Amino acid sequence: MKFTKATDAHVQGDVIVFHMETAGVTRQFEISGDVLRQRFGAVDDTPNELLRAFESAADALQNAADRAHGVPADGPIMLGEGDFA
């Protein structure tokens, strides 16, 4: 769970909240359990399973976060299905 630890990822309800640096700034992101189940193979909504899918999606999440570096946000940036198409 190296990526999970590096991003301080944690499950909050059916969402994983995590932090990543983009363009020199650490920002907060969220990804829903729905996206993790539909796109990254989480088989259920348990925290362990969501974190397993999150870990396996490390490269895709990094790429999506890099593309979101110019998105203005006062709060977390929600990554959705369209960010991984």
PDB file of N, CA and C in Angstrom:
ATOM      1  N   MET A   1       0.830  -1.195   0.000  1.00  0.00           N
ATOM      2  CA  MET A   1       0.000   0.000   0.000  1.00  0.00           C
ATOM      3  C   MET A   1       0.875   1.261   0.000  1.00  0.00           C
ATOM      4  N   LYS A   2       1.913   1.200  -0.790  1.00  0.00           N
ATOM      5  CA  LYS A   2       2.859   2.312  -0.853  1.00  0.00           C
ATOM      6  C   LYS A   2       2.205   3.612  -1.342  1.00  0.00           C
ATOM      7  N   PHE A   3       1.436   3.541  -2.424  1.00  0.00           N
ATOM      8  CA  PHE A   3       0.772   4.724  -2.968  1.00  0.00           C
ATOM      9  C   PHE A   3      -0.254   5.262  -1.976  1.00  0.00           C
ATOM     10  N   THR A   4      -0.968   4.369  -1.332  1.00  0.00           N
ATOM     11  CA  THR A   4      -1.979   4.761  -0.347  1.00  0.00           C
ATOM     12  C   THR A   4      -1.332   5.562   0.782  1.00  0.00           C
ATOM     13  N   LYS A   5      -0.209   5.093   1.280  1.00  0.00           N
ATOM     14  CA  LYS A   5       0.488   5.805   2.358  1.00  0.00           C
ATOM     15  C   LYS A   5       1.059   7.131   1.858  1.00  0.00           C
ATOM     16  N   ALA A   6       1.634   7.124   0.668  1.00  0.00           N
ATOM     17  CA  ALA A   6       2.262   8.335   0.124  1.00  0.00           C
ATOM     18  C   ALA A   6       1.257   9.457  -0.094  1.00  0.00           C
ATOM     19  N   THR A   7       0.011   9.093  -0.356  1.00  0.00           N
ATOM     20  CA  THR A   7      -1.023  10.100  -0.622  1.00  0.00           C
ATOM     21  C   THR A   7      -1.919  10.345   0.592  1.00  0.00           C
ATOM     22  N   ASP A   8      -1.608   9.706   1.709  1.00  0.00           N
ATOM     23  CA  ASP A   8      -2.408   9.835   2.930  1.00  0.00           C
ATOM     24  C   ASP A   8      -3.882   9.513   2.649  1.00  0.00           C
ATOM     25  N   ALA A   9      -4.111   8.489   1.833  1.00  0.00           N
ATOM     26  CA  ALA A   9      -5.469   8.124   1.417  1.00  0.00           C
ATOM     27  C   ALA A   9      -6.224   7.470   2.566  1.00  0.00           C
ATOM     28  N   HIS A  10      -7.504   7.818   2.663  1.00  0.00           N
ATOM     29  CA  HIS A  10      -8.380   7.180   3.645  1.00  0.00           C
ATOM     30  C   HIS A  10      -9.808   7.153   3.108  1.00  0.00           C
ATOM     31  N   VAL A  11     -10.534   6.165   3.577  1.00  0.00           N
ATOM     32  CA  VAL A  11     -11.922   6.000   3.159  1.00  0.00           C
ATOM     33  C   VAL A  11     -12.805   6.859   4.040  1.00  0.00           C
ATOM     34  N   GLN A  12     -13.705   7.579   3.385  1.00  0.00           N
ATOM     35  CA  GLN A  12     -14.686   8.411   4.080  1.00  0.00           C
ATOM     36  C   GLN A  12     -16.040   8.114   3.437  1.00  0.00           C
ATOM     37  N   GLY A  13     -16.800   7.233   4.064  1.00  0.00           N
ATOM     38  CA  GLY A  13     -18.053   6.788   3.452  1.00  0.00           C
ATOM     39  C   GLY A  13     -17.743   5.920   2.246  1.00  0.00           C
ATOM     40  N   ASP A  14     -18.245   6.316   1.079  1.00  0.00           N
ATOM     41  CA  ASP A  14     -17.992   5.579  -0.164  1.00  0.00           C
ATOM     42  C   ASP A  14     -17.037   6.371  -1.062  1.00  0.00           C
ATOM     43  N   VAL A  15     -16.148   7.128  -0.442  1.00  0.00           N
ATOM     44  CA  VAL A  15     -15.204   7.980  -1.169  1.00  0.00           C
ATOM     45  C   VAL A  15     -13.821   7.774  -0.572  1.00  0.00           C
ATOM     46  N   ILE A  16     -12.797   7.828  -1.413  1.00  0.00           N
ATOM     47  CA  ILE A  16     -11.432   7.873  -0.906  1.00  0.00           C
ATOM     48  C   ILE A  16     -10.934   9.297  -1.055  1.00  0.00           C
ATOM     49  N   VAL A  17     -10.460   9.845   0.039  1.00  0.00           N
ATOM     50  CA  VAL A  17      -9.892  11.182   0.077  1.00  0.00           C
ATOM     51  C   VAL A  17      -8.375  11.014   0.111  1.00  0.00           C
ATOM     52  N   PHE A  18      -7.668  11.773  -0.727  1.00  0.00           N
ATOM     53  CA  PHE A  18      -6.209  11.647  -0.768  1.00  0.00           C
ATOM     54  C   PHE A  18      -5.578  12.967  -1.190  1.00  0.00           C
ATOM     55  N   HIS A  19      -4.275  13.084  -0.998  1.00  0.00           N
ATOM     56  CA  HIS A  19      -3.530  14.299  -1.321  1.00  0.00           C
ATOM     57  C   HIS A  19      -2.413  13.962  -2.303  1.00  0.00           C
ATOM     58  N   MET A  20      -2.268  14.808  -3.313  1.00  0.00           N
ATOM     59  CA  MET A  20      -1.185  14.650  -4.281  1.00  0.00           C
ATOM     60  C   MET A  20      -0.645  16.013  -4.660  1.00  0.00           C
ATOM     61  N   GLU A  21       0.630  16.025  -4.999  1.00  0.00           N
ATOM     62  CA  GLU A  21       1.254  17.253  -5.444  1.00  0.00           C
ATOM     63  C   GLU A  21       1.102  17.378  -6.955  1.00  0.00           C
ATOM     64  N   THR A  22       0.635  18.533  -7.395  1.00  0.00           N
ATOM     65  CA  THR A  22       0.553  18.829  -8.824  1.00  0.00           C
ATOM     66  C   THR A  22       1.119  20.221  -9.033  1.00  0.00           C
ATOM     67  N   ALA A  23       2.070  20.330  -9.926  1.00  0.00           N
ATOM     68  CA  ALA A  23       2.713  21.611 -10.237  1.00  0.00           C
ATOM     69  C   ALA A  23       3.238  22.286  -8.968  1.00  0.00           C
ATOM     70  N   GLY A  24       3.811  21.477  -8.059  1.00  0.00           N
ATOM     71  CA  GLY A  24       4.417  22.022  -6.861  1.00  0.00           C
ATOM     72  C   GLY A  24       3.467  22.358  -5.728  1.00  0.00           C
ATOM     73  N   VAL A  25       2.183  22.076  -5.901  1.00  0.00           N
ATOM     74  CA  VAL A  25       1.183  22.390  -4.877  1.00  0.00           C
ATOM     75  C   VAL A  25       0.477  21.094  -4.467  1.00  0.00           C
ATOM     76  N   THR A  26       0.402  20.853  -3.165  1.00  0.00           N
ATOM     77  CA  THR A  26      -0.331  19.682  -2.675  1.00  0.00           C
ATOM     78  C   THR A  26      -1.813  20.024  -2.614  1.00  0.00           C
ATOM     79  N   ARG A  27      -2.596  19.172  -3.266  1.00  0.00           N
ATOM     80  CA  ARG A  27      -4.048  19.406  -3.330  1.00  0.00           C
ATOM     81  C   ARG A  27      -4.781  18.161  -2.862  1.00  0.00           C
ATOM     82  N   GLN A  28      -5.996  18.384  -2.409  1.00  0.00           N
ATOM     83  CA  GLN A  28      -6.829  17.276  -1.951  1.00  0.00           C
ATOM     84  C   GLN A  28      -7.721  16.814  -3.100  1.00  0.00           C
ATOM     85  N   PHE A  29      -7.809  15.498  -3.257  1.00  0.00           N
ATOM     86  CA  PHE A  29      -8.638  14.875  -4.286  1.00  0.00           C
ATOM     87  C   PHE A  29      -9.575  13.877  -3.637  1.00  0.00           C
ATOM     88  N   GLU A  30     -10.628  13.528  -4.374  1.00  0.00           N
ATOM     89  CA  GLU A  30     -11.550  12.480  -3.958  1.00  0.00           C
ATOM     90  C   GLU A  30     -11.871  11.618  -5.176  1.00  0.00           C
ATOM     91  N   ILE A  31     -12.071  10.337  -4.924  1.00  0.00           N
ATOM     92  CA  ILE A  31     -12.561   9.429  -5.960  1.00  0.00           C
ATOM     93  C   ILE A  31     -13.636   8.559  -5.312  1.00  0.00           C
ATOM     94  N   SER A  32     -14.730   8.394  -6.009  1.00  0.00           N
ATOM     95  CA  SER A  32     -15.867   7.662  -5.437  1.00  0.00           C
ATOM     96  C   SER A  32     -15.669   6.154  -5.523  1.00  0.00           C
ATOM     97  N   GLY A  33     -16.360   5.479  -4.634  1.00  0.00           N
ATOM     98  CA  GLY A  33     -16.381   4.024  -4.685  1.00  0.00           C
ATOM     99  C   GLY A  33     -16.962   3.523  -5.994  1.00  0.00           C
ATOM    100  N   ASP A  34     -17.928   4.246  -6.554  1.00  0.00           N
ATOM    101  CA  ASP A  34     -18.507   3.844  -7.845  1.00  0.00           C
ATOM    102  C   ASP A  34     -17.434   3.762  -8.927  1.00  0.00           C
ATOM    103  N   VAL A  35     -16.578   4.783  -9.002  1.00  0.00           N
ATOM    104  CA  VAL A  35     -15.514   4.778 -10.015  1.00  0.00           C
ATOM    105  C   VAL A  35     -14.536   3.642  -9.723  1.00  0.00           C
ATOM    106  N   LEU A  36     -14.208   3.435  -8.480  1.00  0.00           N
ATOM    107  CA  LEU A  36     -13.284   2.353  -8.134  1.00  0.00           C
ATOM    108  C   LEU A  36     -13.871   0.981  -8.454  1.00  0.00           C
ATOM    109  N   ARG A  37     -15.174   0.835  -8.292  1.00  0.00           N
ATOM    110  CA  ARG A  37     -15.809  -0.445  -8.633  1.00  0.00           C
ATOM    111  C   ARG A  37     -15.939  -0.617 -10.144  1.00  0.00           C
ATOM    112  N   GLN A  38     -16.382   0.422 -10.846  1.00  0.00           N
ATOM    113  CA  GLN A  38     -16.637   0.314 -12.284  1.00  0.00           C
ATOM    114  C   GLN A  38     -15.354   0.313 -13.112  1.00  0.00           C
ATOM    115  N   ARG A  39     -14.377   1.058 -12.681  1.00  0.00           N
ATOM    116  CA  ARG A  39     -13.193   1.273 -13.519  1.00  0.00           C
ATOM    117  C   ARG A  39     -11.959   0.505 -13.046  1.00  0.00           C
ATOM    118  N   PHE A  40     -11.840   0.286 -11.738  1.00  0.00           N
ATOM    119  CA  PHE A  40     -10.595  -0.258 -11.206  1.00  0.00           C
ATOM    120  C   PHE A  40     -10.756  -1.566 -10.441  1.00  0.00           C
ATOM    121  N   GLY A  41     -11.906  -2.208 -10.576  1.00  0.00           N
ATOM    122  CA  GLY A  41     -12.065  -3.578 -10.111  1.00  0.00           C
ATOM    123  C   GLY A  41     -12.367  -3.808  -8.646  1.00  0.00           C
ATOM    124  N   ALA A  42     -12.760  -2.775  -7.903  1.00  0.00           N
ATOM    125  CA  ALA A  42     -13.181  -3.020  -6.521  1.00  0.00           C
ATOM    126  C   ALA A  42     -14.429  -3.908  -6.570  1.00  0.00           C
ATOM    127  N   VAL A  43     -14.430  -4.988  -5.819  1.00  0.00           N
ATOM    128  CA  VAL A  43     -15.541  -5.935  -5.904  1.00  0.00           C
ATOM    129  C   VAL A  43     -16.679  -5.627  -4.934  1.00  0.00           C
ATOM    130  N   ASP A  44     -16.420  -4.755  -3.952  1.00  0.00           N
ATOM    131  CA  ASP A  44     -17.482  -4.354  -3.027  1.00  0.00           C
ATOM    132  C   ASP A  44     -17.132  -2.988  -2.439  1.00  0.00           C
ATOM    133  N   ASP A  45     -17.908  -2.572  -1.452  1.00  0.00           N
ATOM    134  CA  ASP A  45     -17.712  -1.224  -0.909  1.00  0.00           C
ATOM    135  C   ASP A  45     -17.013  -1.210   0.446  1.00  0.00           C
ATOM    136  N   THR A  46     -16.324  -2.296   0.791  1.00  0.00           N
ATOM    137  CA  THR A  46     -15.583  -2.307   2.047  1.00  0.00           C
ATOM    138  C   THR A  46     -14.339  -1.424   1.923  1.00  0.00           C
ATOM    139  N   PRO A  47     -13.928  -0.809   3.018  1.00  0.00           N
ATOM    140  CA  PRO A  47     -12.733   0.039   2.962  1.00  0.00           C
ATOM    141  C   PRO A  47     -11.496  -0.680   2.417  1.00  0.00           C
ATOM    142  N   ASN A  48     -11.270  -1.910   2.827  1.00  0.00           N
ATOM    143  CA  ASN A  48     -10.098  -2.645   2.336  1.00  0.00           C
ATOM    144  C   ASN A  48     -10.133  -2.833   0.830  1.00  0.00           C
ATOM    145  N   GLU A  49     -11.303  -3.135   0.300  1.00  0.00           N
ATOM    146  CA  GLU A  49     -11.433  -3.358  -1.137  1.00  0.00           C
ATOM    147  C   GLU A  49     -11.289  -2.050  -1.910  1.00  0.00           C
ATOM    148  N   LEU A  50     -11.867  -0.973  -1.406  1.00  0.00           N
ATOM    149  CA  LEU A  50     -11.714   0.320  -2.076  1.00  0.00           C
ATOM    150  C   LEU A  50     -10.254   0.755  -2.083  1.00  0.00           C
ATOM    151  N   LEU A  51      -9.551   0.551  -0.978  1.00  0.00           N
ATOM    152  CA  LEU A  51      -8.135   0.918  -0.918  1.00  0.00           C
ATOM    153  C   LEU A  51      -7.281   0.024  -1.812  1.00  0.00           C
ATOM    154  N   ARG A  52      -7.647  -1.247  -1.952  1.00  0.00           N
ATOM    155  CA  ARG A  52      -6.918  -2.140  -2.857  1.00  0.00           C
ATOM    156  C   ARG A  52      -7.044  -1.641  -4.297  1.00  0.00           C
ATOM    157  N   ALA A  53      -8.271  -1.283  -4.693  1.00  0.00           N
ATOM    158  CA  ALA A  53      -8.490  -0.770  -6.047  1.00  0.00           C
ATOM    159  C   ALA A  53      -7.783   0.571  -6.240  1.00  0.00           C
ATOM    160  N   PHE A  54      -7.814   1.414  -5.229  1.00  0.00           N
ATOM    161  CA  PHE A  54      -7.117   2.701  -5.268  1.00  0.00           C
ATOM    162  C   PHE A  54      -5.630   2.479  -5.510  1.00  0.00           C
ATOM    163  N   GLU A  55      -5.053   1.556  -4.786  1.00  0.00           N
ATOM    164  CA  GLU A  55      -3.615   1.254  -4.920  1.00  0.00           C
ATOM    165  C   GLU A  55      -3.304   0.766  -6.337  1.00  0.00           C
ATOM    166  N   SER A  56      -4.157  -0.072  -6.886  1.00  0.00           N
ATOM    167  CA  SER A  56      -3.912  -0.604  -8.231  1.00  0.00           C
ATOM    168  C   SER A  56      -4.083   0.466  -9.313  1.00  0.00           C
ATOM    169  N   ALA A  57      -4.763   1.550  -8.976  1.00  0.00           N
ATOM    170  CA  ALA A  57      -5.019   2.639  -9.930  1.00  0.00           C
ATOM    171  C   ALA A  57      -3.989   3.764  -9.814  1.00  0.00           C
ATOM    172  N   ALA A  58      -2.888   3.530  -9.141  1.00  0.00           N
ATOM    173  CA  ALA A  58      -1.913   4.591  -8.849  1.00  0.00           C
ATOM    174  C   ALA A  58      -1.503   5.385 -10.083  1.00  0.00           C
ATOM    175  N   ASP A  59      -1.114   4.724 -11.157  1.00  0.00           N
ATOM    176  CA  ASP A  59      -0.660   5.441 -12.355  1.00  0.00           C
ATOM    177  C   ASP A  59      -1.775   6.280 -12.961  1.00  0.00           C
ATOM    178  N   ALA A  60      -2.964   5.711 -13.055  1.00  0.00           N
ATOM    179  CA  ALA A  60      -4.102   6.447 -13.621  1.00  0.00           C
ATOM    180  C   ALA A  60      -4.473   7.640 -12.752  1.00  0.00           C
ATOM    181  N   LEU A  61      -4.404   7.472 -11.442  1.00  0.00           N
ATOM    182  CA  LEU A  61      -4.719   8.571 -10.530  1.00  0.00           C
ATOM    183  C   LEU A  61      -3.680   9.686 -10.640  1.00  0.00           C
ATOM    184  N   GLN A  62      -2.416   9.310 -10.744  1.00  0.00           N
ATOM    185  CA  GLN A  62      -1.369  10.317 -10.902  1.00  0.00           C
ATOM    186  C   GLN A  62      -1.568  11.101 -12.192  1.00  0.00           C
ATOM    187  N   ASN A  63      -1.876  10.410 -13.278  1.00  0.00           N
ATOM    188  CA  ASN A  63      -2.118  11.083 -14.558  1.00  0.00           C
ATOM    189  C   ASN A  63      -3.320  12.014 -14.481  1.00  0.00           C
ATOM    190  N   ALA A  64      -4.396  11.570 -13.857  1.00  0.00           N
ATOM    191  CA  ALA A  64      -5.595  12.405 -13.724  1.00  0.00           C
ATOM    192  C   ALA A  64      -5.299  13.630 -12.862  1.00  0.00           C
ATOM    193  N   ALA A  65      -4.553  13.454 -11.792  1.00  0.00           N
ATOM    194  CA  ALA A  65      -4.203  14.574 -10.925  1.00  0.00           C
ATOM    195  C   ALA A  65      -3.319  15.573 -11.673  1.00  0.00           C
ATOM    196  N   ASP A  66      -2.388  15.084 -12.467  1.00  0.00           N
ATOM    197  CA  ASP A  66      -1.529  15.972 -13.259  1.00  0.00           C
ATOM    198  C   ASP A  66      -2.351  16.803 -14.236  1.00  0.00           C
ATOM    199  N   ARG A  67      -3.360  16.182 -14.849  1.00  0.00           N
ATOM    200  CA  ARG A  67      -4.220  16.912 -15.788  1.00  0.00           C
ATOM    201  C   ARG A  67      -5.095  17.940 -15.072  1.00  0.00           C
ATOM    202  N   ALA A  68      -5.340  17.737 -13.790  1.00  0.00           N
ATOM    203  CA  ALA A  68      -6.213  18.633 -13.026  1.00  0.00           C
ATOM    204  C   ALA A  68      -5.444  19.778 -12.375  1.00  0.00           C
ATOM    205  N   HIS A  69      -4.170  19.908 -12.663  1.00  0.00           N
ATOM    206  CA  HIS A  69      -3.369  20.903 -11.947  1.00  0.00           C
ATOM    207  C   HIS A  69      -3.857  22.332 -12.145  1.00  0.00           C
ATOM    208  N   GLY A  70      -4.503  22.632 -13.250  1.00  0.00           N
ATOM    209  CA  GLY A  70      -4.983  23.985 -13.497  1.00  0.00           C
ATOM    210  C   GLY A  70      -6.418  24.228 -13.077  1.00  0.00           C
ATOM    211  N   VAL A  71      -7.050  23.214 -12.495  1.00  0.00           N
ATOM    212  CA  VAL A  71      -8.454  23.336 -12.096  1.00  0.00           C
ATOM    213  C   VAL A  71      -8.542  24.178 -10.824  1.00  0.00           C
ATOM    214  N   PRO A  72      -9.267  25.303 -10.885  1.00  0.00           N
ATOM    215  CA  PRO A  72      -9.426  26.089  -9.649  1.00  0.00           C
ATOM    216  C   PRO A  72     -10.348  25.355  -8.681  1.00  0.00           C
ATOM    217  N   ALA A  73      -9.947  25.313  -7.421  1.00  0.00           N
ATOM    218  CA  ALA A  73     -10.776  24.620  -6.441  1.00  0.00           C
ATOM    219  C   ALA A  73     -10.497  25.172  -5.052  1.00  0.00           C
ATOM    220  N   ASP A  74     -11.576  25.425  -4.320  1.00  0.00           N
ATOM    221  CA  ASP A  74     -11.438  25.846  -2.934  1.00  0.00           C
ATOM    222  C   ASP A  74     -11.441  24.636  -2.006  1.00  0.00           C
ATOM    223  N   GLY A  75     -11.882  23.507  -2.529  1.00  0.00           N
ATOM    224  CA  GLY A  75     -11.965  22.287  -1.735  1.00  0.00           C
ATOM    225  C   GLY A  75     -11.391  21.135  -2.517  1.00  0.00           C
ATOM    226  N   PRO A  76     -11.789  19.937  -2.177  1.00  0.00           N
ATOM    227  CA  PRO A  76     -11.280  18.749  -2.868  1.00  0.00           C
ATOM    228  C   PRO A  76     -11.684  18.727  -4.343  1.00  0.00           C
ATOM    229  N   ILE A  77     -10.836  18.137  -5.150  1.00  0.00           N
ATOM    230  CA  ILE A  77     -11.134  17.926  -6.568  1.00  0.00           C
ATOM    231  C   ILE A  77     -11.650  16.514  -6.715  1.00  0.00           C
ATOM    232  N   MET A  78     -12.888  16.378  -7.182  1.00  0.00           N
ATOM    233  CA  MET A  78     -13.499  15.067  -7.364  1.00  0.00           C
ATOM    234  C   MET A  78     -13.095  14.502  -8.718  1.00  0.00           C
ATOM    235  N   LEU A  79     -12.434  13.347  -8.700  1.00  0.00           N
ATOM    236  CA  LEU A  79     -12.098  12.654  -9.941  1.00  0.00           C
ATOM    237  C   LEU A  79     -13.231  11.688 -10.264  1.00  0.00           C
ATOM    238  N   GLY A  80     -13.774  11.799 -11.461  1.00  0.00           N
ATOM    239  CA  GLY A  80     -14.901  10.964 -11.873  1.00  0.00           C
ATOM    240  C   GLY A  80     -14.546  10.050 -13.012  1.00  0.00           C
ATOM    241  N   GLU A  81     -15.506   9.303 -13.459  1.00  0.00           N
ATOM    242  CA  GLU A  81     -15.330   8.344 -14.553  1.00  0.00           C
ATOM    243  C   GLU A  81     -14.698   8.987 -15.782  1.00  0.00           C
ATOM    244  N   GLY A  82     -15.122  10.200 -16.113  1.00  0.00           N
ATOM    245  CA  GLY A  82     -14.602  10.881 -17.297  1.00  0.00           C
ATOM    246  C   GLY A  82     -13.122  11.223 -17.222  1.00  0.00           C
ATOM    247  N   ASP A  83     -12.558  11.263 -16.031  1.00  0.00           N
ATOM    248  CA  ASP A  83     -11.141  11.548 -15.880  1.00  0.00           C
ATOM    249  C   ASP A  83     -10.268  10.360 -16.264  1.00  0.00           C
ATOM    250  N   PHE A  84     -10.889   9.198 -16.479  1.00  0.00           N
ATOM    251  CA  PHE A  84     -10.140   7.984 -16.777  1.00  0.00           C
ATOM    252  C   PHE A  84     -10.552   7.369 -18.104  1.00  0.00           C
ATOM    253  N   ALA A  85     -11.262   8.107 -18.930  1.00  0.00           N
ATOM    254  CA  ALA A  85     -11.736   7.576 -20.220  1.00  0.00           C
ATOM    255  C   ALA A  85     -10.621   7.556 -21.235  1.00  0.00           C
TER     256      ALA A  85
END
